[in-house]
Amino acid sequence: RELLNQFRDQLPARIFEQEYTVPETDGSGNARENLKAARDLLQKAGWQLQNGQLVSDAGTPFSFEILLVNPAFERIALPFVKNLEKLGIEANVRVVDAAQYQKRLETFDYDMTVVVIGQSLSPGNEQRDFWHSEKADIQGSKNYMGIKDPVVDALVARVINAPDRNALITTTRALDRVLLQSYYVIPQWHIRTFRVAYWNKFGKPEVQAKYALGFLTDWWVDPAKAAALDKSPAPSAQNKTEKEEEASFSYRWLFWLALALAVILWARKKASKK
């Protein structure tokens, strides 16, 4: 707060008065309250609903394209598009091949897209490429949002030139707060766990990396765990036979059910002809 106070006259009051939070719903798919809040914000910004379409004071319709390279993200984008339709906004999802996507990213030829901006626990020079105004118009940079903010520029410089770890942490958090509360992005999700399957025979150090799985660097085969694993009984032939019999019974049951349905349908068809 003390650091950001130096830029108070250049920052929105909300950065000092409220914590950044992501809007929530009850999970039912009905975001009525959120949509009402969005409608009110759009009206304050000069957008009006006419014949089911959101238009500006000049009559320009609110429409844009969501550029994707991975079809898997359609399941995230399409429900978003449906909610936008309720507000009178037309959003089109377009999936392109990797080469076209890369070219359009490099030339900033998109309205909205999905990106992942990887970070480290020791941010430095790379922050200039992500957020600094001098990178906003340089094709191929990772300032995908086109941010041009003197406060962000000053904070990025302080991150790069932080004299110690505490100063780095403080300045990075201040930069994070300014970026989040400027609403350049719509956060999607994160996962706090790693999804892995492994034999329980590995040892790991007591102190582990905070945000890394560590299976590539800091593990070893624990003799006691390995010995216990070797002594574990394998699935017996009897268990396998029982499972095979259960599967066979299921298939036989489905066969007779299908045969009975076929006989019923044949009998009805024959009766209808009479």
Protein backbone atom coordinates (compact mmCIF):
# COMPACT_ATOMS: atom_id res chain seq x y z
CA ARG A 1 0.00 0.00 0.00
CA GLU A 2 2.84 2.36 0.82
CA LEU A 3 4.39 1.64 -2.55
CA LEU A 4 1.12 2.17 -4.45
CA ASN A 5 0.40 5.38 -2.55
CA GLN A 6 3.11 6.98 -4.66
CA PHE A 7 0.83 6.46 -7.68
CA ARG A 8 -2.52 7.15 -5.99
CA ASP A 9 -3.47 9.99 -8.33
CA GLN A 10 -2.91 7.69 -11.34
CA LEU A 11 -4.80 4.65 -10.06
CA PRO A 12 -8.51 3.85 -9.59
CA ALA A 13 -9.72 4.22 -6.00
CA ARG A 14 -10.87 0.59 -5.96
CA ILE A 15 -7.24 -0.59 -5.88
CA PHE A 16 -6.93 0.93 -2.41
CA GLU A 17 -10.45 0.27 -1.17
CA GLN A 18 -11.35 -3.29 -2.17
CA GLU A 19 -9.77 -6.66 -2.75
CA TYR A 20 -9.85 -8.16 -6.23
CA THR A 21 -12.39 -10.97 -6.37
CA VAL A 22 -13.72 -13.07 -9.22
CA PRO A 23 -17.53 -13.08 -9.58
CA GLU A 24 -19.16 -16.29 -8.37
CA THR A 25 -22.37 -18.15 -9.19
CA ASP A 26 -24.24 -21.01 -7.55
CA GLY A 27 -23.01 -23.41 -10.23
CA SER A 28 -26.46 -23.98 -11.71
CA GLY A 29 -25.59 -22.27 -14.98
CA ASN A 30 -28.05 -19.46 -14.25
CA ALA A 31 -25.90 -16.33 -13.79
CA ARG A 32 -28.84 -13.96 -13.51
CA GLU A 33 -27.38 -11.68 -10.82
CA ASN A 34 -24.04 -11.46 -12.62
CA LEU A 35 -25.76 -10.66 -15.90
CA LYS A 36 -27.79 -7.90 -14.22
CA ALA A 37 -24.57 -6.41 -12.83
CA ALA A 38 -22.98 -6.62 -16.29
CA ARG A 39 -26.02 -4.95 -17.85
CA ASP A 40 -25.80 -2.05 -15.41
CA LEU A 41 -22.08 -1.56 -16.10
CA LEU A 42 -22.66 -1.61 -19.85
CA GLN A 43 -25.46 0.93 -19.58
CA LYS A 44 -23.21 3.25 -17.57
CA ALA A 45 -20.62 2.90 -20.35
CA GLY A 46 -23.15 4.07 -22.95
CA TRP A 47 -24.40 0.75 -24.36
CA GLN A 48 -28.13 0.26 -24.89
CA LEU A 49 -30.27 -2.73 -25.86
CA GLN A 50 -32.17 -2.22 -29.12
CA ASN A 51 -34.19 -5.04 -30.72
CA GLY A 52 -32.27 -7.62 -28.72
CA GLN A 53 -28.89 -6.22 -29.76
CA LEU A 54 -26.49 -4.18 -27.63
CA VAL A 55 -25.40 -1.03 -29.46
CA SER A 56 -23.39 2.06 -28.63
CA ASP A 57 -24.73 5.61 -28.67
CA ALA A 58 -23.54 5.79 -32.27
CA GLY A 59 -25.48 2.63 -33.16
CA THR A 60 -22.44 0.32 -33.41
CA PRO A 61 -23.29 -3.24 -32.37
CA PHE A 62 -21.23 -4.89 -29.64
CA SER A 63 -19.61 -7.87 -31.38
CA PHE A 64 -16.21 -9.55 -31.29
CA GLU A 65 -14.35 -12.77 -32.11
CA ILE A 66 -12.81 -15.26 -29.68
CA LEU A 67 -9.73 -16.78 -31.34
CA LEU A 68 -8.78 -20.33 -30.33
CA VAL A 69 -6.16 -22.83 -31.43
CA ASN A 70 -7.33 -25.71 -29.25
CA PRO A 71 -10.89 -27.02 -29.79
CA ALA A 72 -10.89 -28.18 -26.16
CA PHE A 73 -11.39 -24.57 -25.08
CA GLU A 74 -14.72 -24.42 -26.91
CA ARG A 75 -16.36 -25.99 -23.87
CA ILE A 76 -15.21 -22.92 -21.90
CA ALA A 77 -15.89 -20.29 -24.56
CA LEU A 78 -19.33 -21.42 -25.76
CA PRO A 79 -21.17 -21.08 -22.40
CA PHE A 80 -19.56 -17.62 -22.14
CA VAL A 81 -20.93 -16.81 -25.59
CA LYS A 82 -24.44 -17.92 -24.54
CA ASN A 83 -24.36 -15.58 -21.55
CA LEU A 84 -23.18 -12.73 -23.75
CA GLU A 85 -26.13 -13.35 -26.07
CA LYS A 86 -28.48 -12.67 -23.15
CA LEU A 87 -26.89 -9.22 -22.90
CA GLY A 88 -27.28 -8.59 -26.63
CA ILE A 89 -23.59 -9.14 -27.36
CA GLU A 90 -22.56 -11.16 -30.39
CA ALA A 91 -19.39 -13.21 -29.82
CA ASN A 92 -18.11 -15.67 -32.41
CA VAL A 93 -15.72 -18.50 -31.59
CA ARG A 94 -13.17 -19.28 -34.28
CA VAL A 95 -10.70 -22.19 -34.09
CA VAL A 96 -7.69 -21.91 -36.42
CA ASP A 97 -4.63 -24.05 -37.11
CA ALA A 98 -1.41 -23.56 -35.12
CA ALA A 99 0.43 -21.64 -37.85
CA GLN A 100 -2.39 -19.13 -38.36
CA TYR A 101 -2.87 -18.77 -34.62
CA GLN A 102 0.82 -18.02 -34.06
CA LYS A 103 0.83 -15.44 -36.83
CA ARG A 104 -2.27 -13.72 -35.51
CA LEU A 105 -0.83 -13.60 -32.00
CA GLU A 106 2.42 -12.10 -33.27
CA THR A 107 0.55 -9.39 -35.20
CA PHE A 108 -2.10 -8.81 -32.47
CA ASP A 109 -4.81 -9.79 -34.98
CA TYR A 110 -7.51 -10.84 -32.51
CA ASP A 111 -10.24 -9.45 -30.29
CA MET A 112 -10.02 -12.04 -27.52
CA THR A 113 -7.96 -15.20 -27.14
CA VAL A 114 -6.81 -17.73 -24.55
CA VAL A 115 -3.19 -17.55 -23.41
CA VAL A 116 -1.06 -18.86 -20.57
CA ILE A 117 1.62 -16.49 -19.29
CA GLY A 118 4.04 -18.59 -17.28
CA GLN A 119 5.73 -17.01 -14.27
CA SER A 120 8.59 -17.89 -11.96
CA LEU A 121 9.15 -17.29 -8.24
CA SER A 122 11.87 -14.80 -9.14
CA PRO A 123 10.30 -12.43 -11.72
CA GLY A 124 12.67 -10.17 -13.60
CA ASN A 125 13.43 -8.89 -17.10
CA GLU A 126 10.69 -11.00 -18.72
CA GLN A 127 8.07 -8.78 -17.05
CA ARG A 128 8.96 -5.99 -19.47
CA ASP A 129 7.91 -8.20 -22.40
CA PHE A 130 4.60 -9.05 -20.72
CA TRP A 131 3.35 -5.67 -19.49
CA HIS A 132 5.56 -2.73 -20.48
CA SER A 133 4.18 -0.05 -22.82
CA GLU A 134 7.32 -0.13 -24.98
CA LYS A 135 6.34 -3.69 -26.01
CA ALA A 136 2.68 -2.97 -26.73
CA ASP A 137 3.20 -2.18 -30.41
CA ILE A 138 6.14 -4.51 -31.11
CA GLN A 139 4.92 -7.50 -33.08
CA GLY A 140 5.91 -10.80 -31.52
CA SER A 141 5.98 -9.46 -27.97
CA LYS A 142 3.93 -11.07 -25.22
CA ASN A 143 2.12 -7.89 -24.24
CA TYR A 144 -1.01 -9.49 -25.67
CA MET A 145 -3.34 -6.95 -24.01
CA GLY A 146 -1.55 -3.92 -25.44
CA ILE A 147 -1.02 -2.45 -21.97
CA LYS A 148 0.24 1.13 -21.95
CA ASP A 149 0.21 2.30 -18.36
CA PRO A 150 2.93 4.49 -16.79
CA VAL A 151 2.24 2.98 -13.35
CA VAL A 152 2.71 -0.54 -14.71
CA ASP A 153 5.92 0.61 -16.44
CA ALA A 154 7.26 2.03 -13.17
CA LEU A 155 6.38 -1.11 -11.20
CA VAL A 156 7.97 -3.37 -13.83
CA ALA A 157 11.18 -1.33 -13.55
CA ARG A 158 11.09 -1.71 -9.76
CA VAL A 159 10.59 -5.47 -10.05
CA ILE A 160 13.62 -5.77 -12.31
CA ASN A 161 15.78 -3.58 -10.06
CA ALA A 162 14.57 -4.83 -6.68
CA PRO A 163 17.50 -4.64 -4.24
CA ASP A 164 16.48 -7.67 -2.15
CA ARG A 165 13.96 -10.48 -1.86
CA ASN A 166 11.49 -8.60 0.35
CA ALA A 167 11.43 -5.65 -2.04
CA LEU A 168 10.91 -8.04 -4.97
CA ILE A 169 7.93 -9.71 -3.27
CA THR A 170 6.35 -6.41 -2.28
CA THR A 171 6.75 -4.86 -5.73
CA THR A 172 5.51 -7.98 -7.53
CA ARG A 173 2.37 -8.04 -5.39
CA ALA A 174 1.76 -4.36 -6.10
CA LEU A 175 2.15 -4.99 -9.84
CA ASP A 176 -0.18 -7.97 -9.59
CA ARG A 177 -2.83 -5.89 -7.84
CA VAL A 178 -2.71 -3.16 -10.48
CA LEU A 179 -2.90 -5.65 -13.35
CA LEU A 180 -5.78 -7.61 -11.83
CA GLN A 181 -7.86 -4.56 -10.97
CA SER A 182 -7.37 -3.14 -14.45
CA TYR A 183 -9.37 -6.13 -15.77
CA TYR A 184 -7.19 -6.97 -18.74
CA VAL A 185 -8.05 -10.67 -18.47
CA ILE A 186 -10.86 -13.03 -17.52
CA PRO A 187 -9.21 -15.70 -15.34
CA GLN A 188 -10.24 -19.25 -16.17
CA TRP A 189 -9.05 -21.81 -13.60
CA HIS A 190 -6.08 -23.35 -11.85
CA ILE A 191 -5.41 -26.73 -10.23
CA ARG A 192 -3.66 -26.95 -6.87
CA THR A 193 -2.60 -30.57 -7.36
CA PHE A 194 -0.61 -32.70 -9.81
CA ARG A 195 -2.36 -35.65 -11.43
CA VAL A 196 0.13 -38.52 -11.46
CA ALA A 197 0.18 -42.29 -11.09
CA TYR A 198 3.30 -43.91 -9.64
CA TRP A 199 4.62 -46.87 -7.66
CA ASN A 200 4.81 -46.02 -3.98
CA LYS A 201 8.50 -46.82 -3.66
CA PHE A 202 10.07 -43.38 -3.90
CA GLY A 203 11.62 -41.21 -1.22
CA LYS A 204 11.46 -37.42 -1.31
CA PRO A 205 13.13 -34.70 0.78
CA GLU A 206 11.20 -33.20 3.70
CA VAL A 207 11.50 -29.69 2.24
CA GLN A 208 10.11 -29.66 -1.30
CA ALA A 209 9.67 -27.03 -4.00
CA LYS A 210 6.49 -25.02 -3.38
CA TYR A 211 5.03 -25.20 -6.88
CA ALA A 212 6.81 -28.16 -8.49
CA LEU A 213 6.19 -31.90 -8.53
CA GLY A 214 9.92 -32.62 -8.33
CA PHE A 215 9.80 -36.13 -9.81
CA LEU A 216 12.47 -35.20 -12.33
CA THR A 217 15.07 -34.03 -9.84
CA ASP A 218 14.52 -34.78 -6.15
CA TRP A 219 13.55 -38.42 -5.65
CA TRP A 220 15.17 -41.77 -5.01
CA VAL A 221 14.09 -45.38 -4.63
CA ASP A 222 13.38 -46.04 -0.95
CA PRO A 223 14.60 -49.63 -0.18
CA ALA A 224 11.96 -50.18 2.53
CA LYS A 225 9.09 -49.01 0.33
CA ALA A 226 10.42 -50.99 -2.64
CA ALA A 227 10.68 -54.17 -0.53
CA ALA A 228 7.14 -53.72 0.79
CA LEU A 229 5.89 -53.20 -2.75
CA ASP A 230 7.62 -56.37 -3.96
CA LYS A 231 5.90 -58.37 -1.20
CA SER A 232 2.44 -57.07 -2.12
CA PRO A 233 0.34 -59.94 -3.52
CA ALA A 234 -0.42 -59.74 -7.22
CA PRO A 235 -4.02 -60.27 -8.37
CA SER A 236 -4.69 -64.01 -8.09
CA ALA A 237 -5.80 -66.19 -10.94
CA GLN A 238 -8.99 -66.84 -9.00
CA ASN A 239 -9.78 -63.10 -8.81
CA LYS A 240 -9.16 -62.77 -12.53
CA THR A 241 -11.44 -65.72 -13.24
CA GLU A 242 -14.22 -64.25 -11.09
CA LYS A 243 -14.01 -60.94 -12.92
CA GLU A 244 -14.06 -62.68 -16.28
CA GLU A 245 -17.14 -64.64 -15.23
CA GLU A 246 -18.87 -61.44 -14.08
CA ALA A 247 -18.14 -59.81 -17.43
CA SER A 248 -19.33 -62.89 -19.29
CA PHE A 249 -22.58 -62.92 -17.29
CA SER A 250 -23.17 -59.24 -18.12
CA TYR A 251 -22.69 -59.87 -21.82
CA ARG A 252 -25.04 -62.89 -21.74
CA TRP A 253 -27.69 -60.84 -19.95
CA LEU A 254 -27.44 -58.07 -22.55
CA PHE A 255 -27.67 -60.64 -25.37
CA TRP A 256 -30.90 -62.18 -24.04
CA LEU A 257 -32.38 -58.74 -23.40
CA ALA A 258 -31.65 -57.67 -26.98
CA LEU A 259 -33.13 -60.93 -28.30
CA ALA A 260 -36.32 -60.45 -26.26
CA LEU A 261 -36.73 -56.90 -27.57
CA ALA A 262 -36.25 -58.13 -31.14
CA VAL A 263 -38.94 -60.79 -30.68
CA ILE A 264 -41.39 -58.23 -29.24
CA LEU A 265 -40.80 -55.83 -32.13
CA TRP A 266 -41.24 -58.67 -34.67
CA ALA A 267 -44.50 -59.76 -33.03
CA ARG A 268 -45.91 -56.20 -33.04
CA LYS A 269 -44.99 -55.71 -36.67
CA LYS A 270 -46.67 -59.00 -37.62
CA ALA A 271 -49.79 -58.10 -35.64
CA SER A 272 -50.05 -54.69 -37.28
CA LYS A 273 -50.03 -56.31 -40.74
CA LYS A 274 -53.01 -58.52 -39.78
